[in-house]
């Protein structure tokens, strides 16, 4: 794809509401954020695509929640891509950007020429919410299924939250004359907010993972189906291109649903690793334990999987037996 220069709505998430159909949603555009995430690594293209999709889902989902601290998405798999992990940190103060980071672990010799999601095998998709000190973290899990990470997220919301949810995402490498290729992503999240279907709360049925269609009926089902038909008309360049702003996109798709927009949330790449955090994580170990982690050069090293930061520390200053001088 060929796109113009950076535009005002890059790296933002725009909340909206469809008054005529009792739905809420988000429109996200990621550009520099993905550069910040992916330039830390040399992933094969299928892995890059999975990380791009996961980061986009994280931006959309994170902005829907009343977070005080952190939302995490994780994929654990028996496939070539063993893990994908993302974090969304809520703004520390009003008006500040949210922060996103992500990484993947994989077996390079098992990566194939198949579609990105084919690199993921049997496993699970998880959402974790941590509101910070003094609170109990929450975790919800659903099996990996369907044909994309976005469909796994839809299944999670239907199964664990009993909220009909739909994602329409687009992501890929953009190119401009004289400039290096870089990843860019855009997407829409829709969520129906009525009470869940009574069938969803019961233990009856086949045991299959719920879908959004299982949670709506009557007028709610008509609204859900109508809005999803409209969403299916969206084109990739409308989601990621420079010509259509998020607000204009909502009017193109949902003008009869009376869309109402709220303040956009900016997002950026951000990692919370630090030498202090590394030292804190090692503070539970004795000097004997620290010795087993020491390299032949007499140092203890640690690398951040998210941002690639490298820490080189004196073992005498680590662990609960560390000298206090």
C-alpha atoms as a PDB file:
ATOM      1  CA  UNK A   1       0.000   0.000   0.000  1.00  0.00           C
ATOM      2  CA  UNK A   2       1.135   3.572  -0.594  1.00  0.00           C
ATOM      3  CA  UNK A   3       0.204   6.205   1.973  1.00  0.00           C
ATOM      4  CA  UNK A   4       0.883   9.852   2.614  1.00  0.00           C
ATOM      5  CA  UNK A   5       2.894  11.421   5.402  1.00  0.00           C
ATOM      6  CA  UNK A   6       1.959  11.144   9.053  1.00  0.00           C
ATOM      7  CA  UNK A   7      -1.460  12.608   9.759  1.00  0.00           C
ATOM      8  CA  UNK A   8      -3.175  14.063  12.797  1.00  0.00           C
ATOM      9  CA  UNK A   9      -5.204  10.981  13.689  1.00  0.00           C
ATOM     10  CA  UNK A  10      -2.307   8.520  13.548  1.00  0.00           C
ATOM     11  CA  UNK A  11      -1.723   6.726  16.864  1.00  0.00           C
ATOM     12  CA  UNK A  12      -5.127   7.615  18.290  1.00  0.00           C
ATOM     13  CA  UNK A  13      -8.224   5.771  19.472  1.00  0.00           C
ATOM     14  CA  UNK A  14     -11.560   7.529  18.940  1.00  0.00           C
ATOM     15  CA  UNK A  15     -14.488   6.416  21.145  1.00  0.00           C
ATOM     16  CA  UNK A  16     -17.977   6.601  19.658  1.00  0.00           C
ATOM     17  CA  UNK A  17     -21.567   5.639  20.311  1.00  0.00           C
ATOM     18  CA  UNK A  18     -24.370   4.696  17.907  1.00  0.00           C
ATOM     19  CA  UNK A  19     -27.448   6.214  19.504  1.00  0.00           C
ATOM     20  CA  UNK A  20     -29.968   4.524  17.202  1.00  0.00           C
ATOM     21  CA  UNK A  21     -28.759   1.002  17.935  1.00  0.00           C
ATOM     22  CA  UNK A  22     -27.480   1.106  21.548  1.00  0.00           C
ATOM     23  CA  UNK A  23     -23.876   0.323  20.676  1.00  0.00           C
ATOM     24  CA  UNK A  24     -20.500   1.724  21.508  1.00  0.00           C
ATOM     25  CA  UNK A  25     -17.213   1.383  19.710  1.00  0.00           C
ATOM     26  CA  UNK A  26     -13.711   2.576  18.966  1.00  0.00           C
ATOM     27  CA  UNK A  27     -11.785   3.539  15.832  1.00  0.00           C
ATOM     28  CA  UNK A  28      -7.998   3.136  16.071  1.00  0.00           C
ATOM     29  CA  UNK A  29      -5.136   4.163  13.778  1.00  0.00           C
ATOM     30  CA  UNK A  30      -1.620   2.972  14.629  1.00  0.00           C
ATOM     31  CA  UNK A  31       1.543   4.046  12.830  1.00  0.00           C
ATOM     32  CA  UNK A  32       4.473   5.211  14.946  1.00  0.00           C
ATOM     33  CA  UNK A  33       3.316   2.932  17.763  1.00  0.00           C
ATOM     34  CA  UNK A  34       3.838  -0.122  15.551  1.00  0.00           C
ATOM     35  CA  UNK A  35       7.217   1.195  14.441  1.00  0.00           C
ATOM     36  CA  UNK A  36       8.176   1.524  18.093  1.00  0.00           C
ATOM     37  CA  UNK A  37       7.061  -2.033  18.831  1.00  0.00           C
ATOM     38  CA  UNK A  38       8.402  -3.852  15.771  1.00  0.00           C
ATOM     39  CA  UNK A  39      11.723  -2.069  15.241  1.00  0.00           C
ATOM     40  CA  UNK A  40      12.951  -3.596  18.513  1.00  0.00           C
ATOM     41  CA  UNK A  41      12.919  -7.027  16.866  1.00  0.00           C
ATOM     42  CA  UNK A  42      13.693  -8.801  13.627  1.00  0.00           C
ATOM     43  CA  UNK A  43      10.540 -10.878  13.359  1.00  0.00           C
ATOM     44  CA  UNK A  44       9.618 -12.895  10.253  1.00  0.00           C
ATOM     45  CA  UNK A  45       6.748 -11.221   8.403  1.00  0.00           C
ATOM     46  CA  UNK A  46       4.018 -13.633   9.661  1.00  0.00           C
ATOM     47  CA  UNK A  47       5.097 -12.917  13.231  1.00  0.00           C
ATOM     48  CA  UNK A  48       5.140  -9.167  12.551  1.00  0.00           C
ATOM     49  CA  UNK A  49       1.588  -9.410  11.237  1.00  0.00           C
ATOM     50  CA  UNK A  50       0.406 -11.249  14.370  1.00  0.00           C
ATOM     51  CA  UNK A  51       2.071  -8.698  16.649  1.00  0.00           C
ATOM     52  CA  UNK A  52       0.540  -5.838  14.607  1.00  0.00           C
ATOM     53  CA  UNK A  53      -2.933  -7.378  14.925  1.00  0.00           C
ATOM     54  CA  UNK A  54      -2.469  -7.989  18.648  1.00  0.00           C
ATOM     55  CA  UNK A  55      -1.269  -4.420  19.241  1.00  0.00           C
ATOM     56  CA  UNK A  56      -4.288  -3.043  17.380  1.00  0.00           C
ATOM     57  CA  UNK A  57      -6.662  -5.198  19.447  1.00  0.00           C
ATOM     58  CA  UNK A  58      -4.893  -4.023  22.603  1.00  0.00           C
ATOM     59  CA  UNK A  59      -5.358  -0.355  21.699  1.00  0.00           C
ATOM     60  CA  UNK A  60      -9.060  -0.855  20.933  1.00  0.00           C
ATOM     61  CA  UNK A  61      -9.851  -2.976  23.993  1.00  0.00           C
ATOM     62  CA  UNK A  62      -7.694  -0.982  26.418  1.00  0.00           C
ATOM     63  CA  UNK A  63      -9.499   2.246  25.627  1.00  0.00           C
ATOM     64  CA  UNK A  64     -12.921   0.706  26.387  1.00  0.00           C
ATOM     65  CA  UNK A  65     -12.035  -0.100  29.991  1.00  0.00           C
ATOM     66  CA  UNK A  66     -11.926   2.111  33.057  1.00  0.00           C
ATOM     67  CA  UNK A  67      -8.287   1.318  33.681  1.00  0.00           C
ATOM     68  CA  UNK A  68      -6.213   2.762  36.470  1.00  0.00           C
ATOM     69  CA  UNK A  69      -3.124   0.834  35.448  1.00  0.00           C
ATOM     70  CA  UNK A  70      -2.669  -2.035  32.966  1.00  0.00           C
ATOM     71  CA  UNK A  71      -4.480  -4.281  30.503  1.00  0.00           C
ATOM     72  CA  UNK A  72      -2.592  -7.266  29.068  1.00  0.00           C
ATOM     73  CA  UNK A  73      -3.459  -9.552  26.173  1.00  0.00           C
ATOM     74  CA  UNK A  74      -1.705 -12.888  25.798  1.00  0.00           C
ATOM     75  CA  UNK A  75      -1.676 -15.773  23.359  1.00  0.00           C
ATOM     76  CA  UNK A  76      -0.093 -19.032  24.522  1.00  0.00           C
ATOM     77  CA  UNK A  77       0.232 -21.643  21.791  1.00  0.00           C
ATOM     78  CA  UNK A  78       1.775 -24.987  20.890  1.00  0.00           C
ATOM     79  CA  UNK A  79       2.404 -23.677  17.368  1.00  0.00           C
ATOM     80  CA  UNK A  80       5.440 -22.048  15.803  1.00  0.00           C
ATOM     81  CA  UNK A  81       4.505 -18.787  17.563  1.00  0.00           C
ATOM     82  CA  UNK A  82       4.573 -19.852  21.200  1.00  0.00           C
ATOM     83  CA  UNK A  83       3.545 -16.567  22.796  1.00  0.00           C
ATOM     84  CA  UNK A  84       2.343 -13.082  21.952  1.00  0.00           C
ATOM     85  CA  UNK A  85       2.129 -10.645  24.841  1.00  0.00           C
ATOM     86  CA  UNK A  86       0.940  -7.033  24.856  1.00  0.00           C
ATOM     87  CA  UNK A  87       0.451  -4.431  27.567  1.00  0.00           C
ATOM     88  CA  UNK A  88      -1.690  -1.283  27.522  1.00  0.00           C
ATOM     89  CA  UNK A  89      -0.912   1.251  30.249  1.00  0.00           C
ATOM     90  CA  UNK A  90      -3.611   3.797  30.993  1.00  0.00           C
ATOM     91  CA  UNK A  91      -2.613   7.488  30.923  1.00  0.00           C
ATOM     92  CA  UNK A  92      -1.027   8.533  34.195  1.00  0.00           C
ATOM     93  CA  UNK A  93      -2.724  11.925  34.005  1.00  0.00           C
ATOM     94  CA  UNK A  94      -5.602  13.374  32.031  1.00  0.00           C
ATOM     95  CA  UNK A  95      -4.458  14.511  28.608  1.00  0.00           C
ATOM     96  CA  UNK A  96      -1.418  12.229  28.541  1.00  0.00           C
ATOM     97  CA  UNK A  97      -1.118   9.341  26.043  1.00  0.00           C
ATOM     98  CA  UNK A  98      -1.688   5.709  26.824  1.00  0.00           C
ATOM     99  CA  UNK A  99       1.305   3.427  26.274  1.00  0.00           C
ATOM    100  CA  UNK A 100       1.503   0.096  24.440  1.00  0.00           C
ATOM    101  CA  UNK A 101       4.231  -2.498  24.203  1.00  0.00           C
ATOM    102  CA  UNK A 102       4.294  -5.996  22.660  1.00  0.00           C
ATOM    103  CA  UNK A 103       6.539  -8.934  21.825  1.00  0.00           C
ATOM    104  CA  UNK A 104       6.352 -12.489  20.507  1.00  0.00           C
ATOM    105  CA  UNK A 105       8.386 -15.647  21.060  1.00  0.00           C
ATOM    106  CA  UNK A 106       8.572 -18.236  18.299  1.00  0.00           C
ATOM    107  CA  UNK A 107      10.480 -21.184  16.838  1.00  0.00           C
ATOM    108  CA  UNK A 108      12.082 -19.830  13.673  1.00  0.00           C
ATOM    109  CA  UNK A 109      12.530 -23.275  12.088  1.00  0.00           C
ATOM    110  CA  UNK A 110       8.782 -23.957  12.399  1.00  0.00           C
ATOM    111  CA  UNK A 111       7.592 -20.757  10.659  1.00  0.00           C
ATOM    112  CA  UNK A 112       5.980 -21.584   7.305  1.00  0.00           C
ATOM    113  CA  UNK A 113       4.850 -19.659   4.233  1.00  0.00           C
ATOM    114  CA  UNK A 114       1.245 -20.005   5.391  1.00  0.00           C
ATOM    115  CA  UNK A 115      -1.050 -17.275   6.681  1.00  0.00           C
ATOM    116  CA  UNK A 116      -0.021 -15.578   9.961  1.00  0.00           C
ATOM    117  CA  UNK A 117      -2.721 -17.269  12.053  1.00  0.00           C
ATOM    118  CA  UNK A 118      -1.560 -20.670  10.769  1.00  0.00           C
ATOM    119  CA  UNK A 119       1.635 -20.112  12.789  1.00  0.00           C
ATOM    120  CA  UNK A 120      -0.467 -20.310  15.956  1.00  0.00           C
ATOM    121  CA  UNK A 121      -1.472 -23.766  17.141  1.00  0.00           C
ATOM    122  CA  UNK A 122      -3.601 -25.148  19.929  1.00  0.00           C
ATOM    123  CA  UNK A 123      -3.685 -22.855  22.930  1.00  0.00           C
ATOM    124  CA  UNK A 124      -5.568 -19.989  24.532  1.00  0.00           C
ATOM    125  CA  UNK A 125      -6.261 -16.273  24.284  1.00  0.00           C
ATOM    126  CA  UNK A 126      -6.269 -14.386  27.584  1.00  0.00           C
ATOM    127  CA  UNK A 127      -7.110 -10.912  28.831  1.00  0.00           C
ATOM    128  CA  UNK A 128      -5.636  -9.752  32.133  1.00  0.00           C
ATOM    129  CA  UNK A 129      -6.622  -6.574  33.987  1.00  0.00           C
ATOM    130  CA  UNK A 130      -4.448  -5.205  36.786  1.00  0.00           C
ATOM    131  CA  UNK A 131      -5.747  -2.057  38.479  1.00  0.00           C
ATOM    132  CA  UNK A 132      -2.613  -1.679  40.567  1.00  0.00           C
ATOM    133  CA  UNK A 133      -1.571  -1.965  44.176  1.00  0.00           C
ATOM    134  CA  UNK A 134      -4.264  -3.091  46.596  1.00  0.00           C
ATOM    135  CA  UNK A 135      -6.453  -4.737  43.943  1.00  0.00           C
ATOM    136  CA  UNK A 136      -6.940  -8.324  42.785  1.00  0.00           C
ATOM    137  CA  UNK A 137      -5.894  -8.886  39.154  1.00  0.00           C
ATOM    138  CA  UNK A 138      -8.548 -10.364  36.843  1.00  0.00           C
ATOM    139  CA  UNK A 139      -7.919 -12.937  34.124  1.00  0.00           C
ATOM    140  CA  UNK A 140     -10.266 -14.330  31.480  1.00  0.00           C
ATOM    141  CA  UNK A 141      -9.339 -17.109  29.048  1.00  0.00           C
ATOM    142  CA  UNK A 142     -10.842 -18.577  25.885  1.00  0.00           C
ATOM    143  CA  UNK A 143      -9.453 -21.292  23.583  1.00  0.00           C
ATOM    144  CA  UNK A 144      -7.731 -20.264  20.372  1.00  0.00           C
ATOM    145  CA  UNK A 145     -10.203 -20.863  17.568  1.00  0.00           C
ATOM    146  CA  UNK A 146     -11.555 -19.474  14.301  1.00  0.00           C
ATOM    147  CA  UNK A 147      -9.141 -17.923  11.781  1.00  0.00           C
ATOM    148  CA  UNK A 148      -7.702 -14.757  13.381  1.00  0.00           C
ATOM    149  CA  UNK A 149      -6.732 -13.174  16.659  1.00  0.00           C
ATOM    150  CA  UNK A 150      -9.630 -10.715  16.305  1.00  0.00           C
ATOM    151  CA  UNK A 151     -12.101 -13.614  16.147  1.00  0.00           C
ATOM    152  CA  UNK A 152     -10.466 -15.058  19.280  1.00  0.00           C
ATOM    153  CA  UNK A 153     -11.066 -11.710  20.990  1.00  0.00           C
ATOM    154  CA  UNK A 154     -14.701 -11.724  19.850  1.00  0.00           C
ATOM    155  CA  UNK A 155     -15.086 -15.216  21.331  1.00  0.00           C
ATOM    156  CA  UNK A 156     -13.527 -14.030  24.592  1.00  0.00           C
ATOM    157  CA  UNK A 157     -16.048 -11.198  24.982  1.00  0.00           C
ATOM    158  CA  UNK A 158     -18.969 -13.493  24.154  1.00  0.00           C
ATOM    159  CA  UNK A 159     -17.802 -16.273  26.467  1.00  0.00           C
ATOM    160  CA  UNK A 160     -16.255 -14.437  29.417  1.00  0.00           C
ATOM    161  CA  UNK A 161     -18.000 -11.051  29.385  1.00  0.00           C
ATOM    162  CA  UNK A 162     -21.242 -11.968  27.567  1.00  0.00           C
ATOM    163  CA  UNK A 163     -20.874  -8.857  25.425  1.00  0.00           C
ATOM    164  CA  UNK A 164     -21.540  -9.127  21.672  1.00  0.00           C
ATOM    165  CA  UNK A 165     -18.372  -7.707  20.098  1.00  0.00           C
ATOM    166  CA  UNK A 166     -17.092  -7.342  16.547  1.00  0.00           C
ATOM    167  CA  UNK A 167     -13.742  -6.207  15.140  1.00  0.00           C
ATOM    168  CA  UNK A 168     -12.881  -5.107  11.611  1.00  0.00           C
ATOM    169  CA  UNK A 169      -9.121  -4.684  11.248  1.00  0.00           C
ATOM    170  CA  UNK A 170      -6.615  -3.905   8.531  1.00  0.00           C
ATOM    171  CA  UNK A 171      -2.833  -3.882   8.826  1.00  0.00           C
ATOM    172  CA  UNK A 172       0.176  -4.155   6.565  1.00  0.00           C
ATOM    173  CA  UNK A 173       3.338  -2.463   5.345  1.00  0.00           C
ATOM    174  CA  UNK A 174       2.982   1.000   3.849  1.00  0.00           C
ATOM    175  CA  UNK A 175       5.452   2.390   1.341  1.00  0.00           C
ATOM    176  CA  UNK A 176       6.319   5.859   0.102  1.00  0.00           C
ATOM    177  CA  UNK A 177       8.903   6.813  -2.546  1.00  0.00           C
ATOM    178  CA  UNK A 178      12.312   7.256  -0.976  1.00  0.00           C
ATOM    179  CA  UNK A 179      11.203   6.031   2.459  1.00  0.00           C
ATOM    180  CA  UNK A 180      11.538   2.611   4.111  1.00  0.00           C
ATOM    181  CA  UNK A 181       8.482   0.388   4.444  1.00  0.00           C
ATOM    182  CA  UNK A 182       6.790   0.432   7.810  1.00  0.00           C
ATOM    183  CA  UNK A 183       3.797  -1.237   9.387  1.00  0.00           C
ATOM    184  CA  UNK A 184       0.506   0.570   9.733  1.00  0.00           C
ATOM    185  CA  UNK A 185      -2.821  -0.577  11.182  1.00  0.00           C
ATOM    186  CA  UNK A 186      -6.393   0.597  11.577  1.00  0.00           C
ATOM    187  CA  UNK A 187      -9.562  -0.928  12.908  1.00  0.00           C
ATOM    188  CA  UNK A 188     -13.042  -0.604  14.338  1.00  0.00           C
ATOM    189  CA  UNK A 189     -14.449  -2.271  17.454  1.00  0.00           C
ATOM    190  CA  UNK A 190     -18.222  -2.550  17.943  1.00  0.00           C
ATOM    191  CA  UNK A 191     -19.869  -3.672  21.156  1.00  0.00           C
ATOM    192  CA  UNK A 192     -23.547  -4.178  21.967  1.00  0.00           C
ATOM    193  CA  UNK A 193     -24.379  -3.254  25.540  1.00  0.00           C
ATOM    194  CA  UNK A 194     -27.726  -4.903  26.479  1.00  0.00           C
ATOM    195  CA  UNK A 195     -28.087  -7.559  29.155  1.00  0.00           C
ATOM    196  CA  UNK A 196     -26.814 -10.923  28.029  1.00  0.00           C
ATOM    197  CA  UNK A 197     -29.185 -13.501  26.653  1.00  0.00           C
ATOM    198  CA  UNK A 198     -30.513 -15.764  29.422  1.00  0.00           C
ATOM    199  CA  UNK A 199     -29.113 -18.696  27.472  1.00  0.00           C
ATOM    200  CA  UNK A 200     -25.597 -17.343  27.919  1.00  0.00           C
ATOM    201  CA  UNK A 201     -25.754 -17.529  31.705  1.00  0.00           C
ATOM    202  CA  UNK A 202     -26.889 -21.158  31.841  1.00  0.00           C
ATOM    203  CA  UNK A 203     -24.801 -24.293  31.679  1.00  0.00           C
ATOM    204  CA  UNK A 204     -27.030 -25.922  29.067  1.00  0.00           C
ATOM    205  CA  UNK A 205     -25.931 -26.457  25.466  1.00  0.00           C
ATOM    206  CA  UNK A 206     -23.156 -28.151  23.553  1.00  0.00           C
ATOM    207  CA  UNK A 207     -20.220 -26.618  25.416  1.00  0.00           C
ATOM    208  CA  UNK A 208     -19.015 -24.795  22.322  1.00  0.00           C
ATOM    209  CA  UNK A 209     -17.506 -21.319  22.616  1.00  0.00           C
ATOM    210  CA  UNK A 210     -20.187 -18.643  22.452  1.00  0.00           C
ATOM    211  CA  UNK A 211     -20.396 -16.101  19.659  1.00  0.00           C
ATOM    212  CA  UNK A 212     -21.996 -12.652  19.548  1.00  0.00           C
ATOM    213  CA  UNK A 213     -25.032 -14.108  17.765  1.00  0.00           C
ATOM    214  CA  UNK A 214     -25.783 -16.259  20.835  1.00  0.00           C
ATOM    215  CA  UNK A 215     -26.248 -13.172  23.006  1.00  0.00           C
ATOM    216  CA  UNK A 216     -28.812 -11.091  21.112  1.00  0.00           C
ATOM    217  CA  UNK A 217     -32.433 -11.631  20.154  1.00  0.00           C
ATOM    218  CA  UNK A 218     -35.459  -9.675  18.973  1.00  0.00           C
ATOM    219  CA  UNK A 219     -34.863  -5.977  18.338  1.00  0.00           C
ATOM    220  CA  UNK A 220     -31.318  -6.225  19.703  1.00  0.00           C
ATOM    221  CA  UNK A 221     -30.540  -8.917  17.135  1.00  0.00           C
ATOM    222  CA  UNK A 222     -31.955  -6.757  14.337  1.00  0.00           C
ATOM    223  CA  UNK A 223     -29.801  -3.821  15.440  1.00  0.00           C
ATOM    224  CA  UNK A 224     -26.718  -5.996  15.761  1.00  0.00           C
ATOM    225  CA  UNK A 225     -27.168  -7.592  12.348  1.00  0.00           C
ATOM    226  CA  UNK A 226     -27.889  -4.262  10.633  1.00  0.00           C
ATOM    227  CA  UNK A 227     -24.822  -2.528  12.049  1.00  0.00           C
ATOM    228  CA  UNK A 228     -22.606  -5.496  11.236  1.00  0.00           C
ATOM    229  CA  UNK A 229     -23.805  -5.480   7.629  1.00  0.00           C
ATOM    230  CA  UNK A 230     -22.812  -1.809   7.461  1.00  0.00           C
ATOM    231  CA  UNK A 231     -19.433  -2.570   9.013  1.00  0.00           C
ATOM    232  CA  UNK A 232     -18.764  -5.241   6.396  1.00  0.00           C
ATOM    233  CA  UNK A 233     -18.790  -2.542   3.702  1.00  0.00           C
ATOM    234  CA  UNK A 234     -15.673  -0.844   5.098  1.00  0.00           C
ATOM    235  CA  UNK A 235     -12.588  -0.930   2.863  1.00  0.00           C
ATOM    236  CA  UNK A 236      -8.988  -1.411   3.938  1.00  0.00           C
ATOM    237  CA  UNK A 237      -7.892   2.049   2.805  1.00  0.00           C
ATOM    238  CA  UNK A 238     -10.747   3.602   4.779  1.00  0.00           C
ATOM    239  CA  UNK A 239      -9.359   1.922   7.889  1.00  0.00           C
ATOM    240  CA  UNK A 240      -5.676   2.776   7.394  1.00  0.00           C
ATOM    241  CA  UNK A 241      -5.442   5.397   4.643  1.00  0.00           C
ATOM    242  CA  UNK A 242      -4.685   9.114   5.019  1.00  0.00           C
ATOM    243  CA  UNK A 243      -7.768  10.417   3.205  1.00  0.00           C
ATOM    244  CA  UNK A 244     -10.594   9.462   5.568  1.00  0.00           C
ATOM    245  CA  UNK A 245     -10.562  10.670   9.175  1.00  0.00           C
ATOM    246  CA  UNK A 246     -12.069   8.416  11.876  1.00  0.00           C
ATOM    247  CA  UNK A 247     -15.045  10.776  12.272  1.00  0.00           C
ATOM    248  CA  UNK A 248     -15.687  10.826   8.531  1.00  0.00           C
ATOM    249  CA  UNK A 249     -15.406   7.045   8.444  1.00  0.00           C
ATOM    250  CA  UNK A 250     -18.110   6.723  11.094  1.00  0.00           C
ATOM    251  CA  UNK A 251     -20.427   8.968   9.092  1.00  0.00           C
ATOM    252  CA  UNK A 252     -19.784   6.973   5.923  1.00  0.00           C
ATOM    253  CA  UNK A 253     -20.596   3.692   7.631  1.00  0.00           C
ATOM    254  CA  UNK A 254     -23.206   4.548  10.247  1.00  0.00           C
ATOM    255  CA  UNK A 255     -24.823   7.907   9.427  1.00  0.00           C
ATOM    256  CA  UNK A 256     -28.331   6.479   9.954  1.00  0.00           C
ATOM    257  CA  UNK A 257     -27.296   5.096  13.360  1.00  0.00           C
ATOM    258  CA  UNK A 258     -26.630   8.634  14.654  1.00  0.00           C
ATOM    259  CA  UNK A 259     -22.946   8.276  15.613  1.00  0.00           C
ATOM    260  CA  UNK A 260     -21.736  10.372  18.532  1.00  0.00           C
ATOM    261  CA  UNK A 261     -17.972  10.814  19.047  1.00  0.00           C
ATOM    262  CA  UNK A 262     -15.984  11.612  22.188  1.00  0.00           C
ATOM    263  CA  UNK A 263     -12.449  12.848  22.832  1.00  0.00           C
ATOM    264  CA  UNK A 264      -9.755  10.816  21.083  1.00  0.00           C
ATOM    265  CA  UNK A 265      -7.073   9.096  23.174  1.00  0.00           C
ATOM    266  CA  UNK A 266      -3.514   9.280  21.877  1.00  0.00           C
ATOM    267  CA  UNK A 267      -1.267   6.236  22.242  1.00  0.00           C
ATOM    268  CA  UNK A 268       2.470   5.727  21.950  1.00  0.00           C
ATOM    269  CA  UNK A 269       5.032   2.989  22.351  1.00  0.00           C
ATOM    270  CA  UNK A 270       6.205   2.777  25.932  1.00  0.00           C
ATOM    271  CA  UNK A 271       8.045   0.250  28.074  1.00  0.00           C
ATOM    272  CA  UNK A 272       8.140   0.190  31.864  1.00  0.00           C
ATOM    273  CA  UNK A 273      11.370  -1.758  32.245  1.00  0.00           C
ATOM    274  CA  UNK A 274      14.225  -0.205  34.236  1.00  0.00           C
ATOM    275  CA  UNK A 275      17.353  -1.209  36.124  1.00  0.00           C
ATOM    276  CA  UNK A 276      15.467  -0.667  39.362  1.00  0.00           C
ATOM    277  CA  UNK A 277      12.767  -3.150  38.293  1.00  0.00           C
ATOM    278  CA  UNK A 278      15.408  -5.725  37.330  1.00  0.00           C
ATOM    279  CA  UNK A 279      17.068  -5.321  40.709  1.00  0.00           C
ATOM    280  CA  UNK A 280      13.706  -5.638  42.442  1.00  0.00           C
ATOM    281  CA  UNK A 281      12.885  -8.861  40.576  1.00  0.00           C
ATOM    282  CA  UNK A 282      16.238 -10.331  41.688  1.00  0.00           C
ATOM    283  CA  UNK A 283      15.890  -9.207  45.304  1.00  0.00           C
ATOM    284  CA  UNK A 284      14.252 -12.509  46.299  1.00  0.00           C
ATOM    285  CA  UNK A 285      17.422 -14.496  45.510  1.00  0.00           C
ATOM    286  CA  UNK A 286      20.357 -15.298  47.787  1.00  0.00           C
ATOM    287  CA  UNK A 287      23.985 -14.675  46.893  1.00  0.00           C
ATOM    288  CA  UNK A 288      24.267 -18.403  46.080  1.00  0.00           C
ATOM    289  CA  UNK A 289      21.372 -18.108  43.626  1.00  0.00           C
ATOM    290  CA  UNK A 290      22.830 -14.968  42.081  1.00  0.00           C
ATOM    291  CA  UNK A 291      26.134 -16.781  41.543  1.00  0.00           C
ATOM    292  CA  UNK A 292      24.387 -19.312  39.283  1.00  0.00           C
ATOM    293  CA  UNK A 293      23.160 -16.406  37.115  1.00  0.00           C
ATOM    294  CA  UNK A 294      26.606 -14.819  36.815  1.00  0.00           C
ATOM    295  CA  UNK A 295      28.376 -14.934  33.442  1.00  0.00           C
ATOM    296  CA  UNK A 296      32.008 -15.905  32.888  1.00  0.00           C
ATOM    297  CA  UNK A 297      32.754 -12.180  32.800  1.00  0.00           C
ATOM    298  CA  UNK A 298      31.498 -11.819  36.356  1.00  0.00           C
ATOM    299  CA  UNK A 299      28.293  -9.953  35.513  1.00  0.00           C
ATOM    300  CA  UNK A 300      24.563 -10.614  35.679  1.00  0.00           C
ATOM    301  CA  UNK A 301      22.761  -9.623  32.490  1.00  0.00           C
ATOM    302  CA  UNK A 302      19.094  -9.230  31.628  1.00  0.00           C
ATOM    303  CA  UNK A 303      17.284  -8.268  28.448  1.00  0.00           C
ATOM    304  CA  UNK A 304      13.799  -6.773  28.145  1.00  0.00           C
ATOM    305  CA  UNK A 305      11.723  -8.822  25.702  1.00  0.00           C
ATOM    306  CA  UNK A 306       9.511  -5.814  24.927  1.00  0.00           C
ATOM    307  CA  UNK A 307      11.980  -3.022  24.112  1.00  0.00           C
ATOM    308  CA  UNK A 308      15.319  -4.818  23.825  1.00  0.00           C
ATOM    309  CA  UNK A 309      16.984  -2.907  26.658  1.00  0.00           C
ATOM    310  CA  UNK A 310      20.092  -4.681  27.983  1.00  0.00           C
ATOM    311  CA  UNK A 311      21.081  -4.538  31.643  1.00  0.00           C
ATOM    312  CA  UNK A 312      24.610  -5.436  32.838  1.00  0.00           C
ATOM    313  CA  UNK A 313      24.832  -5.586  36.628  1.00  0.00           C
ATOM    314  CA  UNK A 314      27.386  -6.292  39.348  1.00  0.00           C
ATOM    315  CA  UNK A 315      26.287  -9.518  41.129  1.00  0.00           C
ATOM    316  CA  UNK A 316      27.570  -8.178  44.469  1.00  0.00           C
ATOM    317  CA  UNK A 317      24.795  -5.566  44.364  1.00  0.00           C
ATOM    318  CA  UNK A 318      21.973  -8.051  43.682  1.00  0.00           C
ATOM    319  CA  UNK A 319      19.739 -10.238  45.844  1.00  0.00           C
ATOM    320  CA  UNK A 320      18.798  -9.988  49.483  1.00  0.00           C
ATOM    321  CA  UNK A 321      22.428 -10.607  50.508  1.00  0.00           C
ATOM    322  CA  UNK A 322      23.657  -7.644  48.456  1.00  0.00           C
ATOM    323  CA  UNK A 323      26.144  -5.304  50.053  1.00  0.00           C
ATOM    324  CA  UNK A 324      24.520  -2.074  51.185  1.00  0.00           C
ATOM    325  CA  UNK A 325      27.645   0.047  50.775  1.00  0.00           C
END
